[in-house]
Amino acid sequence: MSDDSSASITVNALLEPLLDAIADRVARRLRADTTPASRWIPLRESPLGYRPTLELIRTGELAVHGIGHRKYLDCEQVDCWLSAHPIAVASKPLGEPDEIDAIVSASRQRQAKRKGTK
């Protein structure tokens, strides 16, 4: 009986460091897998829009990464492209009503008449 107990102690002594090493490696792998994941944007969720992003990929301005059907964009690359292409805001002169303002004011006048007649 002493042979069986000494054999199990020896096996346990050998397995314990191996299991600890496996647990450490799994923990490191999980940390490595989750940290860069925030760096990648799924192609369909591009802040530039899906079709414009496809056009930018086709022209070579953006690169797509992935395996199989899963395609991702590098968040840093998209941010660099956005900062290099600022959006020009067209301003209209103040005081000049446009067509939408006219429609909105006409709608408000109709609503005011309805409320006054009730």
Protein backbone atom coordinates (compact mmCIF):
# COMPACT_ATOMS: atom_id res chain seq x y z
CA MET A 1 0.00 0.00 0.00
CA SER A 2 2.84 2.37 0.61
CA ASP A 3 3.86 2.00 -3.06
CA ASP A 4 0.45 3.26 -4.25
CA SER A 5 0.43 6.26 -1.93
CA SER A 6 4.00 7.22 -2.82
CA ALA A 7 3.17 6.88 -6.55
CA SER A 8 0.12 9.14 -6.19
CA ILE A 9 2.18 11.70 -4.26
CA THR A 10 4.80 11.63 -7.01
CA VAL A 11 2.20 12.02 -9.76
CA ASN A 12 0.49 14.86 -7.86
CA ALA A 13 3.86 16.54 -7.30
CA LEU A 14 4.55 16.33 -11.05
CA LEU A 15 1.08 17.44 -12.15
CA GLU A 16 0.77 20.43 -9.82
CA PRO A 17 3.48 22.61 -11.48
CA LEU A 18 2.24 21.58 -14.91
CA LEU A 19 -1.34 22.62 -14.09
CA ASP A 20 -0.09 25.92 -12.64
CA ALA A 21 1.89 26.61 -15.80
CA ILE A 22 -1.14 25.82 -17.97
CA ALA A 23 -3.35 28.13 -15.89
CA ASP A 24 -0.78 30.95 -16.20
CA ARG A 25 -0.51 30.47 -19.95
CA VAL A 26 -4.30 30.46 -20.38
CA ALA A 27 -4.57 33.65 -18.33
CA ARG A 28 -1.85 35.35 -20.42
CA ARG A 29 -3.54 34.21 -23.62
CA LEU A 30 -6.91 35.58 -22.51
CA ARG A 31 -5.34 38.94 -21.63
CA ALA A 32 -3.55 39.05 -24.97
CA ASP A 33 -6.74 38.17 -26.86
CA THR A 34 -8.90 40.78 -25.16
CA THR A 35 -6.51 43.73 -25.15
CA PRO A 36 -6.04 44.19 -28.93
CA ALA A 37 -9.68 43.34 -29.64
CA SER A 38 -10.69 46.90 -28.85
CA ARG A 39 -8.32 47.97 -31.62
CA TRP A 40 -10.43 46.31 -34.33
CA ILE A 41 -13.74 47.53 -35.78
CA PRO A 42 -15.99 45.09 -37.66
CA LEU A 43 -16.26 46.17 -41.29
CA ARG A 44 -20.06 46.46 -41.13
CA GLU A 45 -19.82 48.79 -38.10
CA SER A 46 -17.40 51.25 -39.71
CA PRO A 47 -18.00 54.85 -38.59
CA LEU A 48 -17.53 55.90 -42.21
CA GLY A 49 -20.46 53.83 -43.44
CA TYR A 50 -20.31 50.44 -45.11
CA ARG A 51 -20.28 51.42 -48.80
CA PRO A 52 -17.88 54.37 -48.42
CA THR A 53 -15.56 52.08 -46.45
CA LEU A 54 -15.66 49.50 -49.25
CA GLU A 55 -14.76 52.24 -51.71
CA LEU A 56 -11.83 53.36 -49.53
CA ILE A 57 -10.62 49.76 -49.31
CA ARG A 58 -10.91 49.39 -53.09
CA THR A 59 -8.85 52.55 -53.69
CA GLY A 60 -6.25 51.45 -51.12
CA GLU A 61 -6.81 54.24 -48.59
CA LEU A 62 -7.85 51.74 -45.90
CA ALA A 63 -6.77 48.17 -45.33
CA VAL A 64 -9.04 45.36 -44.21
CA HIS A 65 -7.88 42.48 -42.03
CA GLY A 66 -9.54 39.20 -41.27
CA ILE A 67 -9.93 35.54 -41.89
CA GLY A 68 -12.77 34.03 -43.86
CA HIS A 69 -15.95 36.07 -43.80
CA ARG A 70 -14.98 38.17 -40.77
CA LYS A 71 -13.36 41.41 -41.84
CA TYR A 72 -12.04 44.12 -39.52
CA LEU A 73 -10.63 47.64 -39.80
CA ASP A 74 -7.82 48.96 -37.67
CA CYS A 75 -9.28 51.62 -35.37
CA GLU A 76 -6.08 53.70 -35.51
CA GLN A 77 -6.09 53.69 -39.31
CA VAL A 78 -9.73 54.83 -39.43
CA ASP A 79 -8.99 57.60 -36.90
CA CYS A 80 -6.00 58.77 -38.98
CA TRP A 81 -8.14 58.84 -42.11
CA LEU A 82 -10.86 60.82 -40.34
CA SER A 83 -8.38 63.37 -38.97
CA ALA A 84 -6.82 63.78 -42.44
CA HIS A 85 -10.24 64.41 -44.03
CA PRO A 86 -12.10 67.01 -41.96
CA ILE A 87 -15.73 67.64 -42.74
CA ALA A 88 -16.35 71.04 -44.28
CA VAL A 89 -19.44 72.63 -42.78
CA ALA A 90 -21.27 74.85 -45.21
CA SER A 91 -22.80 77.80 -43.46
CA LYS A 92 -25.67 79.79 -44.88
CA PRO A 93 -26.05 83.48 -44.25
CA LEU A 94 -28.10 84.26 -41.18
CA GLY A 95 -31.53 85.72 -41.68
CA GLU A 96 -32.17 83.97 -44.99
CA PRO A 97 -34.97 81.44 -44.47
CA ASP A 98 -34.77 78.35 -46.57
CA GLU A 99 -37.48 76.02 -47.83
CA ILE A 100 -37.45 73.84 -44.71
CA ASP A 101 -37.88 76.87 -42.44
CA ALA A 102 -40.89 77.93 -44.51
CA ILE A 103 -42.47 74.48 -44.22
CA VAL A 104 -41.90 74.37 -40.46
CA SER A 105 -43.36 77.83 -39.88
CA ALA A 106 -46.43 77.02 -42.04
CA SER A 107 -46.98 73.84 -40.02
CA ARG A 108 -46.74 75.76 -36.75
CA GLN A 109 -49.25 78.32 -37.98
CA ARG A 110 -51.74 75.55 -38.91
CA GLN A 111 -51.29 73.96 -35.49
CA ALA A 112 -51.85 77.31 -33.78
CA LYS A 113 -55.09 77.86 -35.75
CA ARG A 114 -56.36 74.39 -34.78
CA LYS A 115 -55.66 74.98 -31.11
CA GLY A 116 -57.37 78.37 -31.24
CA THR A 117 -60.57 77.01 -32.81
CA LYS A 118 -61.13 74.24 -30.27
